[in-house]
């Protein structure tokens, strides 16, 4: 069994460009009811007050549905909102710093981009999961570095942590990632760009893991 089995399946990431403030809670709820197993709150544009308000509201929903709740980049916000953990990138501080703020039980994820050595280092430093990508052209981060299925397979062989893949993932291109060892697929645009079909889209992503 891999270190943290809460990180699996559809990993939904919020985006204020796709979800306005009034629709955020409904969108997250639809994603969860459709099968999302992890929600990451990402909104660097909002004021600290709004971030805390939104994060606390999502935390309550995730607790109700027993879904893992991760905050992007901000361990202090994760602590204040009582989230399950935080996801950090290469410029967001060290794992140890986040651990000091959130405690030993927190789930800390690390972006490892397209480098096996980053994944090995993250595991050695005590990360709970790692993220690789982008794997496909991404609307959210079009200039992000490119990762390959070959890299994913190599990382899967080398580490015991859950792997999240990210970057332009859609229902019609996600299956090879699952076949090459990803535990979770992080989705933004293909899940949230159409507010009428979030639940249905989440269901379709969930079924990819059941094949």
Protein backbone atom coordinates (compact mmCIF):
# COMPACT_ATOMS: atom_id res chain seq x y z
CA UNK A 1 0.00 0.00 0.00
CA UNK A 2 1.35 3.41 -0.91
CA UNK A 3 1.99 5.92 1.81
CA UNK A 4 -1.20 7.96 1.53
CA UNK A 5 -4.20 6.34 -0.10
CA UNK A 6 -6.29 9.51 0.23
CA UNK A 7 -4.56 10.80 -2.90
CA UNK A 8 -6.28 8.83 -5.64
CA UNK A 9 -8.74 9.18 -8.49
CA UNK A 10 -9.98 12.57 -9.66
CA UNK A 11 -8.03 15.44 -8.06
CA UNK A 12 -10.04 18.60 -8.80
CA UNK A 13 -8.36 22.02 -8.67
CA UNK A 14 -10.44 25.18 -8.43
CA UNK A 15 -9.71 28.17 -10.67
CA UNK A 16 -11.27 31.63 -10.19
CA UNK A 17 -11.06 32.18 -13.96
CA UNK A 18 -13.55 29.33 -14.45
CA UNK A 19 -15.66 29.55 -11.28
CA UNK A 20 -16.97 32.83 -9.91
CA UNK A 21 -17.17 33.33 -6.17
CA UNK A 22 -20.93 32.82 -6.00
CA UNK A 23 -20.72 29.44 -7.76
CA UNK A 24 -17.63 28.05 -6.03
CA UNK A 25 -19.33 25.94 -3.39
CA UNK A 26 -21.86 24.51 -5.83
CA UNK A 27 -19.10 23.66 -8.32
CA UNK A 28 -17.02 21.90 -5.68
CA UNK A 29 -20.06 20.00 -4.43
CA UNK A 30 -20.89 18.84 -7.97
CA UNK A 31 -17.32 17.64 -8.47
CA UNK A 32 -17.39 15.67 -5.24
CA UNK A 33 -20.81 14.17 -5.93
CA UNK A 34 -19.51 13.10 -9.33
CA UNK A 35 -16.58 11.28 -7.79
CA UNK A 36 -13.71 13.69 -7.07
CA UNK A 37 -11.62 12.27 -4.22
CA UNK A 38 -9.38 15.31 -3.70
CA UNK A 39 -10.17 19.02 -3.88
CA UNK A 40 -7.40 21.59 -4.13
CA UNK A 41 -8.30 25.21 -3.46
CA UNK A 42 -6.29 27.58 -5.65
CA UNK A 43 -7.11 31.29 -5.74
CA UNK A 44 -4.14 33.64 -5.55
CA UNK A 45 -6.21 36.58 -6.76
CA UNK A 46 -8.56 36.83 -3.79
CA UNK A 47 -7.95 38.82 -0.64
CA UNK A 48 -6.71 36.90 2.42
CA UNK A 49 -10.14 37.34 3.99
CA UNK A 50 -11.96 35.87 1.00
CA UNK A 51 -9.43 33.06 0.69
CA UNK A 52 -10.06 32.05 4.29
CA UNK A 53 -13.83 32.29 3.92
CA UNK A 54 -13.82 30.14 0.78
CA UNK A 55 -11.31 27.64 2.14
CA UNK A 56 -13.28 27.15 5.35
CA UNK A 57 -16.48 26.58 3.37
CA UNK A 58 -14.80 24.00 1.13
CA UNK A 59 -13.24 22.33 4.17
CA UNK A 60 -16.71 21.77 5.62
CA UNK A 61 -17.98 20.21 2.40
CA UNK A 62 -14.96 17.95 2.08
CA UNK A 63 -15.36 16.82 5.68
CA UNK A 64 -19.05 16.09 5.08
CA UNK A 65 -18.24 13.91 2.05
CA UNK A 66 -14.99 12.50 3.49
CA UNK A 67 -12.95 13.93 0.63
CA UNK A 68 -9.35 15.10 0.99
CA UNK A 69 -8.91 18.89 1.00
CA UNK A 70 -5.60 20.46 -0.07
CA UNK A 71 -4.63 24.15 -0.17
CA UNK A 72 -2.33 25.38 -2.93
CA UNK A 73 0.94 27.00 -1.82
CA UNK A 74 -0.16 28.38 1.58
CA UNK A 75 0.49 26.31 4.72
CA UNK A 76 -0.82 29.07 6.97
CA UNK A 77 -4.12 29.17 5.11
CA UNK A 78 -4.29 25.38 5.28
CA UNK A 79 -3.84 25.54 9.04
CA UNK A 80 -6.46 28.27 9.52
CA UNK A 81 -9.00 26.49 7.29
CA UNK A 82 -8.37 23.10 8.91
CA UNK A 83 -7.48 21.58 5.53
CA UNK A 84 -5.96 18.13 5.26
CA UNK A 85 -2.76 19.52 3.82
CA UNK A 86 -0.96 21.73 1.35
CA UNK A 87 0.63 21.46 -2.09
CA UNK A 88 3.91 23.28 -2.61
CA UNK A 89 6.01 24.01 -5.67
CA UNK A 90 9.72 24.57 -6.04
CA UNK A 91 9.41 28.24 -4.97
CA UNK A 92 6.89 27.75 -2.19
CA UNK A 93 9.17 26.76 0.66
CA UNK A 94 10.50 23.50 1.92
CA UNK A 95 8.52 20.48 3.02
CA UNK A 96 9.97 20.87 6.50
CA UNK A 97 8.59 24.40 6.78
CA UNK A 98 5.09 23.25 5.84
CA UNK A 99 5.37 20.31 8.20
CA UNK A 100 6.36 22.61 11.05
CA UNK A 101 3.21 24.66 10.49
CA UNK A 102 0.75 21.84 9.83
CA UNK A 103 2.08 18.96 11.92
CA UNK A 104 2.99 15.36 11.29
CA UNK A 105 -0.49 14.25 10.17
CA UNK A 106 -0.82 16.81 7.36
CA UNK A 107 -0.68 15.70 3.73
CA UNK A 108 2.06 17.58 1.91
CA UNK A 109 2.36 17.34 -1.85
CA UNK A 110 5.23 18.61 -3.95
CA UNK A 111 5.45 19.58 -7.62
CA UNK A 112 8.27 17.64 -9.26
CA UNK A 113 7.59 18.81 -12.82
CA UNK A 114 9.50 16.53 -15.23
CA UNK A 115 12.44 15.35 -13.16
CA UNK A 116 12.92 11.96 -11.52
CA UNK A 117 15.50 13.42 -9.14
CA UNK A 118 12.93 15.90 -7.83
CA UNK A 119 10.59 13.02 -7.00
CA UNK A 120 13.32 11.09 -5.23
CA UNK A 121 14.29 14.17 -3.24
CA UNK A 122 10.67 14.89 -2.30
CA UNK A 123 10.26 11.35 -1.02
CA UNK A 124 13.48 11.62 0.99
CA UNK A 125 12.32 14.95 2.44
CA UNK A 126 9.07 13.47 3.71
CA UNK A 127 6.49 14.42 1.10
CA UNK A 128 3.19 12.51 1.16
CA UNK A 129 2.67 12.64 -2.60
CA UNK A 130 4.31 14.15 -5.66
CA UNK A 131 2.92 15.77 -8.79
CA UNK A 132 4.32 15.43 -12.30
CA UNK A 133 3.50 17.45 -15.39
CA UNK A 134 2.43 19.05 -17.57
CA UNK A 135 1.64 16.07 -19.78
CA UNK A 136 -0.49 17.82 -22.42
CA UNK A 137 -0.97 21.40 -23.63
CA UNK A 138 -2.40 23.34 -20.71
CA UNK A 139 -4.73 26.33 -20.74
CA UNK A 140 -3.91 27.11 -17.11
CA UNK A 141 -0.11 26.97 -17.39
CA UNK A 142 0.77 26.94 -21.10
CA UNK A 143 4.49 27.50 -20.46
CA UNK A 144 4.90 24.69 -17.94
CA UNK A 145 7.61 22.11 -18.61
CA UNK A 146 6.70 18.97 -20.56
CA UNK A 147 6.61 15.55 -18.92
CA UNK A 148 6.35 12.19 -20.66
CA UNK A 149 4.73 8.82 -20.09
CA UNK A 150 8.23 7.36 -19.98
CA UNK A 151 9.08 9.64 -17.06
CA UNK A 152 5.86 8.68 -15.28
CA UNK A 153 6.73 5.00 -15.58
CA UNK A 154 10.25 5.64 -14.29
CA UNK A 155 8.99 7.60 -11.28
CA UNK A 156 6.40 4.93 -10.55
CA UNK A 157 9.16 2.33 -10.38
CA UNK A 158 11.40 4.51 -8.24
CA UNK A 159 9.12 5.80 -5.48
CA UNK A 160 6.41 4.48 -3.20
CA UNK A 161 4.47 7.74 -2.87
CA UNK A 162 1.19 8.45 -4.65
CA UNK A 163 1.69 10.23 -7.96
CA UNK A 164 -0.58 12.98 -9.25
CA UNK A 165 -0.35 13.88 -12.93
CA UNK A 166 -1.36 17.31 -14.17
CA UNK A 167 -1.47 19.46 -17.26
CA UNK A 168 -4.14 19.53 -19.96
CA UNK A 169 -5.71 16.27 -18.81
CA UNK A 170 -9.06 15.47 -20.39
CA UNK A 171 -11.39 12.52 -20.46
CA UNK A 172 -10.02 11.44 -23.83
CA UNK A 173 -6.32 11.50 -22.89
CA UNK A 174 -6.26 10.47 -19.22
CA UNK A 175 -6.33 6.70 -19.61
CA UNK A 176 -2.64 6.27 -20.63
CA UNK A 177 -1.60 8.13 -17.48
CA UNK A 178 -3.55 5.64 -15.36
CA UNK A 179 -2.04 2.74 -17.29
CA UNK A 180 1.48 4.11 -16.65
CA UNK A 181 0.98 4.28 -12.90
CA UNK A 182 -0.56 7.56 -11.84
CA UNK A 183 -2.68 7.37 -8.70
CA UNK A 184 -4.59 10.57 -9.36
CA UNK A 185 -5.25 12.94 -12.24
CA UNK A 186 -5.43 16.65 -11.52
CA UNK A 187 -8.02 18.42 -13.63
CA UNK A 188 -8.99 22.08 -13.87
CA UNK A 189 -10.36 23.23 -17.23
CA UNK A 190 -12.00 20.05 -18.52
CA UNK A 191 -13.89 19.68 -15.25
CA UNK A 192 -14.92 23.24 -14.41
CA UNK A 193 -15.26 25.10 -17.73
CA UNK A 194 -18.92 24.07 -18.12
CA UNK A 195 -20.81 24.65 -14.89
CA UNK A 196 -23.82 22.68 -16.15
CA UNK A 197 -21.94 19.42 -16.45
CA UNK A 198 -19.43 19.33 -13.58
CA UNK A 199 -21.00 16.34 -11.85
CA UNK A 200 -21.37 14.37 -15.08
CA UNK A 201 -17.80 15.17 -16.14
CA UNK A 202 -16.48 14.06 -12.74
CA UNK A 203 -18.37 10.80 -13.11
CA UNK A 204 -16.73 10.20 -16.49
CA UNK A 205 -13.27 10.80 -15.01
CA UNK A 206 -14.06 8.46 -12.11
CA UNK A 207 -15.05 5.67 -14.48
CA UNK A 208 -11.63 5.82 -16.14
CA UNK A 209 -10.17 4.42 -12.91
CA UNK A 210 -12.69 1.58 -12.90
CA UNK A 211 -11.78 0.15 -16.30
